Amino acid sequence: MKTIKAKEGTPYEAKKHFNMWGVRKIGVEEGTKRLNVSQSHFLPNGGAEMSLSDKERVYYVLSGSITVKGKAETHVLEPGDMIYIAPGEEREIKVNGNECASTLVIIVEP
């Protein structure tokens, strides 16, 4: 077992993200086998460009509101909502409105 306190974590920059900062709470670098858990904090007008990954992802909205677009569908997420993105699925993220948005991001390495 490992406890990660609220103030612990490693800042990082996510590829193809903008107006966003992240804090990795635990990941492969810290000794997990395939799991990465982080917090992403998006400023208004922040988000992520359309891209795909070979990793499974879950975004859980902690605060604010985001829109996640795929090739054929759009999902508006509010606090307490989450979305699962399968490996190989494209996604784009945009913050809704003038409030910052924070998400818990869970990524499983292939």
N, C-alpha and C. Protein backbone atom coordinates (compact mmCIF):
# COMPACT_ATOMS: atom_id res chain seq x y z
N MET A 1 0.83 -1.18 0.00
CA MET A 1 0.00 0.00 0.00
C MET A 1 0.87 1.25 0.00
N LYS A 2 0.30 2.30 -0.56
CA LYS A 2 1.02 3.57 -0.59
C LYS A 2 0.01 4.70 -0.45
N THR A 3 0.25 5.61 0.46
CA THR A 3 -0.59 6.78 0.63
C THR A 3 0.04 7.95 -0.10
N ILE A 4 -0.77 8.68 -0.85
CA ILE A 4 -0.31 9.89 -1.52
C ILE A 4 -1.12 11.04 -0.92
N LYS A 5 -0.46 11.92 -0.24
CA LYS A 5 -1.12 13.05 0.41
C LYS A 5 -1.53 14.11 -0.63
N ALA A 6 -2.48 14.94 -0.25
CA ALA A 6 -3.04 15.94 -1.16
C ALA A 6 -1.97 16.84 -1.78
N LYS A 7 -0.96 17.20 -1.00
CA LYS A 7 0.05 18.13 -1.50
C LYS A 7 1.19 17.44 -2.23
N GLU A 8 1.15 16.12 -2.35
CA GLU A 8 2.21 15.39 -3.03
C GLU A 8 1.89 15.26 -4.53
N GLY A 9 2.92 15.10 -5.31
CA GLY A 9 2.76 14.89 -6.74
C GLY A 9 3.88 15.55 -7.52
N THR A 10 3.95 15.21 -8.79
CA THR A 10 4.98 15.73 -9.69
C THR A 10 4.32 16.51 -10.81
N PRO A 11 4.61 17.82 -10.92
CA PRO A 11 4.03 18.59 -12.03
C PRO A 11 4.50 18.03 -13.38
N TYR A 12 3.65 18.14 -14.38
CA TYR A 12 4.02 17.69 -15.72
C TYR A 12 3.24 18.49 -16.76
N GLU A 13 3.75 18.46 -17.99
CA GLU A 13 3.06 19.06 -19.13
C GLU A 13 2.59 17.93 -20.03
N ALA A 14 1.32 17.92 -20.33
CA ALA A 14 0.75 16.87 -21.18
C ALA A 14 0.85 17.30 -22.64
N LYS A 15 1.25 16.38 -23.49
CA LYS A 15 1.35 16.65 -24.92
C LYS A 15 -0.02 17.03 -25.48
N LYS A 16 -0.01 17.99 -26.39
CA LYS A 16 -1.20 18.43 -27.12
C LYS A 16 -2.28 19.03 -26.23
N HIS A 17 -1.93 19.43 -24.99
CA HIS A 17 -2.84 20.13 -24.10
C HIS A 17 -2.44 21.60 -24.07
N PHE A 18 -3.39 22.48 -23.78
CA PHE A 18 -3.10 23.91 -23.73
C PHE A 18 -3.88 24.55 -22.59
N ASN A 19 -3.30 25.63 -22.03
CA ASN A 19 -3.89 26.31 -20.87
C ASN A 19 -4.26 25.30 -19.79
N MET A 20 -3.33 24.43 -19.49
CA MET A 20 -3.55 23.34 -18.54
C MET A 20 -2.26 23.06 -17.80
N TRP A 21 -2.38 22.66 -16.54
CA TRP A 21 -1.22 22.15 -15.81
C TRP A 21 -1.66 20.88 -15.10
N GLY A 22 -0.73 19.96 -14.98
CA GLY A 22 -1.06 18.68 -14.38
C GLY A 22 -0.13 18.32 -13.25
N VAL A 23 -0.64 17.47 -12.37
CA VAL A 23 0.15 16.94 -11.27
C VAL A 23 -0.05 15.43 -11.25
N ARG A 24 1.03 14.69 -11.52
CA ARG A 24 0.95 13.23 -11.45
C ARG A 24 1.01 12.82 -9.99
N LYS A 25 0.01 12.12 -9.54
CA LYS A 25 -0.06 11.69 -8.15
C LYS A 25 0.70 10.39 -7.95
N ILE A 26 0.57 9.47 -8.91
CA ILE A 26 1.30 8.21 -8.86
C ILE A 26 1.33 7.63 -10.28
N GLY A 27 2.43 6.95 -10.59
CA GLY A 27 2.55 6.38 -11.92
C GLY A 27 3.70 5.40 -11.99
N VAL A 28 4.01 5.01 -13.20
CA VAL A 28 5.07 4.05 -13.45
C VAL A 28 6.39 4.56 -12.85
N GLU A 29 6.62 5.87 -12.97
CA GLU A 29 7.85 6.46 -12.42
C GLU A 29 7.95 6.28 -10.90
N GLU A 30 6.79 6.17 -10.25
CA GLU A 30 6.77 5.99 -8.80
C GLU A 30 6.61 4.52 -8.39
N GLY A 31 6.63 3.62 -9.37
CA GLY A 31 6.64 2.20 -9.04
C GLY A 31 5.40 1.40 -9.37
N THR A 32 4.36 2.02 -9.99
CA THR A 32 3.21 1.21 -10.38
C THR A 32 3.57 0.37 -11.60
N LYS A 33 2.82 -0.67 -11.84
CA LYS A 33 3.09 -1.53 -13.00
C LYS A 33 2.57 -0.91 -14.30
N ARG A 34 1.31 -0.42 -14.30
CA ARG A 34 0.71 0.12 -15.52
C ARG A 34 -0.21 1.32 -15.28
N LEU A 35 -0.32 1.77 -14.07
CA LEU A 35 -1.31 2.77 -13.71
C LEU A 35 -0.69 4.14 -13.51
N ASN A 36 -1.35 5.16 -14.06
CA ASN A 36 -0.99 6.56 -13.81
C ASN A 36 -2.24 7.28 -13.35
N VAL A 37 -2.13 8.02 -12.25
CA VAL A 37 -3.25 8.82 -11.76
C VAL A 37 -2.74 10.24 -11.59
N SER A 38 -3.46 11.19 -12.16
CA SER A 38 -3.04 12.58 -12.07
C SER A 38 -4.25 13.49 -11.95
N GLN A 39 -3.98 14.74 -11.65
CA GLN A 39 -4.99 15.78 -11.66
C GLN A 39 -4.62 16.74 -12.77
N SER A 40 -5.60 17.08 -13.61
CA SER A 40 -5.40 18.08 -14.64
C SER A 40 -6.24 19.30 -14.29
N HIS A 41 -5.63 20.46 -14.36
CA HIS A 41 -6.30 21.72 -14.05
C HIS A 41 -6.27 22.57 -15.32
N PHE A 42 -7.46 22.84 -15.85
CA PHE A 42 -7.60 23.59 -17.10
C PHE A 42 -8.09 25.00 -16.82
N LEU A 43 -7.45 25.99 -17.41
CA LEU A 43 -7.93 27.36 -17.36
C LEU A 43 -9.09 27.52 -18.33
N PRO A 44 -9.91 28.58 -18.19
CA PRO A 44 -10.92 28.83 -19.22
C PRO A 44 -10.24 28.88 -20.59
N ASN A 45 -10.90 28.38 -21.58
CA ASN A 45 -10.36 28.25 -22.95
C ASN A 45 -9.26 27.20 -23.03
N GLY A 46 -9.07 26.41 -21.99
CA GLY A 46 -8.08 25.34 -22.03
C GLY A 46 -8.66 24.08 -22.63
N GLY A 47 -7.78 23.11 -22.86
CA GLY A 47 -8.24 21.84 -23.39
C GLY A 47 -7.12 20.99 -23.94
N ALA A 48 -7.51 20.10 -24.84
CA ALA A 48 -6.56 19.19 -25.49
C ALA A 48 -6.97 19.04 -26.95
N GLU A 49 -5.98 19.04 -27.82
CA GLU A 49 -6.22 18.86 -29.25
C GLU A 49 -6.74 17.45 -29.53
N MET A 50 -7.41 17.29 -30.65
CA MET A 50 -7.87 15.97 -31.08
C MET A 50 -6.65 15.07 -31.25
N SER A 51 -6.67 13.94 -30.57
CA SER A 51 -5.57 12.98 -30.67
C SER A 51 -6.07 11.63 -30.19
N LEU A 52 -5.25 10.62 -30.42
CA LEU A 52 -5.58 9.28 -29.93
C LEU A 52 -4.39 8.71 -29.22
N SER A 53 -4.65 7.67 -28.45
CA SER A 53 -3.60 7.04 -27.66
C SER A 53 -3.86 5.54 -27.61
N ASP A 54 -2.82 4.78 -27.35
CA ASP A 54 -2.97 3.33 -27.20
C ASP A 54 -3.27 2.96 -25.75
N LYS A 55 -3.59 3.98 -24.93
CA LYS A 55 -3.83 3.76 -23.49
C LYS A 55 -5.31 3.93 -23.17
N GLU A 56 -5.79 3.17 -22.18
CA GLU A 56 -7.13 3.38 -21.64
C GLU A 56 -7.08 4.60 -20.74
N ARG A 57 -8.16 5.41 -20.77
CA ARG A 57 -8.22 6.63 -19.97
C ARG A 57 -9.60 6.79 -19.36
N VAL A 58 -9.60 7.36 -18.17
CA VAL A 58 -10.84 7.80 -17.53
C VAL A 58 -10.60 9.23 -17.07
N TYR A 59 -11.53 10.11 -17.41
CA TYR A 59 -11.53 11.47 -16.90
C TYR A 59 -12.72 11.61 -15.96
N TYR A 60 -12.47 12.01 -14.72
CA TYR A 60 -13.51 12.23 -13.72
C TYR A 60 -13.48 13.71 -13.38
N VAL A 61 -14.58 14.41 -13.62
CA VAL A 61 -14.61 15.86 -13.42
C VAL A 61 -14.79 16.18 -11.93
N LEU A 62 -13.84 16.91 -11.39
CA LEU A 62 -13.87 17.35 -9.98
C LEU A 62 -14.58 18.69 -9.84
N SER A 63 -14.31 19.59 -10.79
CA SER A 63 -14.94 20.92 -10.75
C SER A 63 -14.97 21.49 -12.16
N GLY A 64 -15.86 22.45 -12.37
CA GLY A 64 -16.00 23.06 -13.68
C GLY A 64 -16.75 22.14 -14.64
N SER A 65 -16.64 22.43 -15.91
CA SER A 65 -17.35 21.67 -16.94
C SER A 65 -16.45 21.55 -18.17
N ILE A 66 -16.42 20.37 -18.76
CA ILE A 66 -15.65 20.14 -19.98
C ILE A 66 -16.53 19.46 -21.03
N THR A 67 -16.17 19.66 -22.28
CA THR A 67 -16.78 18.93 -23.38
C THR A 67 -15.71 18.02 -23.96
N VAL A 68 -16.05 16.76 -24.12
CA VAL A 68 -15.15 15.78 -24.73
C VAL A 68 -15.80 15.36 -26.05
N LYS A 69 -15.07 15.59 -27.15
CA LYS A 69 -15.58 15.24 -28.47
C LYS A 69 -14.78 14.07 -29.02
N GLY A 70 -15.48 13.15 -29.63
CA GLY A 70 -14.86 12.07 -30.38
C GLY A 70 -15.13 12.32 -31.85
N LYS A 71 -14.92 11.30 -32.68
CA LYS A 71 -15.18 11.45 -34.11
C LYS A 71 -16.65 11.70 -34.39
N ALA A 72 -17.54 10.99 -33.68
CA ALA A 72 -18.97 11.06 -34.01
C ALA A 72 -19.85 11.44 -32.82
N GLU A 73 -19.25 11.76 -31.68
CA GLU A 73 -20.08 12.04 -30.51
C GLU A 73 -19.47 13.13 -29.66
N THR A 74 -20.34 13.79 -28.89
CA THR A 74 -19.92 14.87 -28.00
C THR A 74 -20.53 14.62 -26.62
N HIS A 75 -19.72 14.80 -25.58
CA HIS A 75 -20.15 14.57 -24.20
C HIS A 75 -19.84 15.81 -23.38
N VAL A 76 -20.84 16.36 -22.71
CA VAL A 76 -20.65 17.47 -21.79
C VAL A 76 -20.61 16.89 -20.38
N LEU A 77 -19.54 17.16 -19.67
CA LEU A 77 -19.33 16.58 -18.34
C LEU A 77 -19.30 17.67 -17.28
N GLU A 78 -19.99 17.41 -16.18
CA GLU A 78 -20.08 18.30 -15.03
C GLU A 78 -19.44 17.59 -13.83
N PRO A 79 -19.26 18.28 -12.70
CA PRO A 79 -18.66 17.63 -11.52
C PRO A 79 -19.39 16.33 -11.15
N GLY A 80 -18.60 15.30 -10.92
CA GLY A 80 -19.13 13.98 -10.59
C GLY A 80 -19.32 13.08 -11.80
N ASP A 81 -19.27 13.65 -13.01
CA ASP A 81 -19.37 12.85 -14.24
C ASP A 81 -18.00 12.31 -14.60
N MET A 82 -17.99 11.19 -15.31
CA MET A 82 -16.72 10.67 -15.83
C MET A 82 -16.95 10.07 -17.19
N ILE A 83 -15.86 9.93 -17.94
CA ILE A 83 -15.92 9.34 -19.26
C ILE A 83 -14.77 8.35 -19.41
N TYR A 84 -15.06 7.21 -20.02
CA TYR A 84 -14.05 6.20 -20.33
C TYR A 84 -13.70 6.34 -21.80
N ILE A 85 -12.42 6.35 -22.11
CA ILE A 85 -11.95 6.44 -23.49
C ILE A 85 -11.08 5.22 -23.75
N ALA A 86 -11.52 4.40 -24.69
CA ALA A 86 -10.82 3.15 -25.01
C ALA A 86 -9.53 3.43 -25.78
N PRO A 87 -8.59 2.47 -25.76
CA PRO A 87 -7.38 2.63 -26.55
C PRO A 87 -7.73 2.83 -28.02
N GLY A 88 -7.06 3.77 -28.67
CA GLY A 88 -7.28 4.02 -30.09
C GLY A 88 -8.42 4.97 -30.41
N GLU A 89 -9.19 5.38 -29.39
CA GLU A 89 -10.28 6.34 -29.61
C GLU A 89 -9.73 7.75 -29.62
N GLU A 90 -10.14 8.53 -30.62
CA GLU A 90 -9.74 9.93 -30.65
C GLU A 90 -10.59 10.74 -29.68
N ARG A 91 -9.99 11.81 -29.14
CA ARG A 91 -10.73 12.70 -28.25
C ARG A 91 -10.12 14.08 -28.26
N GLU A 92 -11.01 15.06 -28.06
CA GLU A 92 -10.65 16.46 -27.93
C GLU A 92 -11.35 16.96 -26.68
N ILE A 93 -10.69 17.83 -25.91
CA ILE A 93 -11.28 18.34 -24.67
C ILE A 93 -11.30 19.86 -24.73
N LYS A 94 -12.42 20.45 -24.29
CA LYS A 94 -12.51 21.91 -24.17
C LYS A 94 -13.23 22.26 -22.88
N VAL A 95 -12.77 23.31 -22.23
CA VAL A 95 -13.42 23.81 -21.02
C VAL A 95 -14.65 24.60 -21.44
N ASN A 96 -15.75 24.41 -20.71
CA ASN A 96 -16.97 25.16 -20.96
C ASN A 96 -17.03 26.37 -20.03
N GLY A 97 -17.37 27.51 -20.57
CA GLY A 97 -17.58 28.69 -19.75
C GLY A 97 -16.30 29.36 -19.29
N ASN A 98 -16.47 30.21 -18.28
CA ASN A 98 -15.36 31.03 -17.78
C ASN A 98 -14.78 30.55 -16.47
N GLU A 99 -15.10 29.33 -16.05
CA GLU A 99 -14.53 28.77 -14.83
C GLU A 99 -13.45 27.76 -15.17
N CYS A 100 -12.47 27.64 -14.31
CA CYS A 100 -11.47 26.59 -14.46
C CYS A 100 -12.14 25.24 -14.28
N ALA A 101 -11.54 24.23 -14.83
CA ALA A 101 -12.04 22.86 -14.68
C ALA A 101 -10.90 21.97 -14.19
N SER A 102 -11.22 21.08 -13.26
CA SER A 102 -10.23 20.13 -12.76
C SER A 102 -10.76 18.71 -12.96
N THR A 103 -9.87 17.83 -13.37
CA THR A 103 -10.25 16.44 -13.58
C THR A 103 -9.24 15.52 -12.91
N LEU A 104 -9.73 14.38 -12.49
CA LEU A 104 -8.87 13.27 -12.07
C LEU A 104 -8.71 12.41 -13.31
N VAL A 105 -7.48 12.10 -13.67
CA VAL A 105 -7.21 11.35 -14.89
C VAL A 105 -6.55 10.03 -14.50
N ILE A 106 -7.15 8.94 -14.95
CA ILE A 106 -6.62 7.60 -14.69
C ILE A 106 -6.23 7.02 -16.04
N ILE A 107 -4.97 6.63 -16.18
CA ILE A 107 -4.45 6.07 -17.44
C ILE A 107 -3.83 4.72 -17.15
N VAL A 108 -4.18 3.75 -17.98
CA VAL A 108 -3.61 2.41 -17.86
C VAL A 108 -2.67 2.20 -19.04
N GLU A 109 -1.41 1.96 -18.74
CA GLU A 109 -0.41 1.71 -19.78
C GLU A 109 -0.69 0.37 -20.45
N PRO A 110 -0.45 0.25 -21.75
CA PRO A 110 -0.70 -1.03 -22.43
C PRO A 110 0.26 -2.13 -21.98
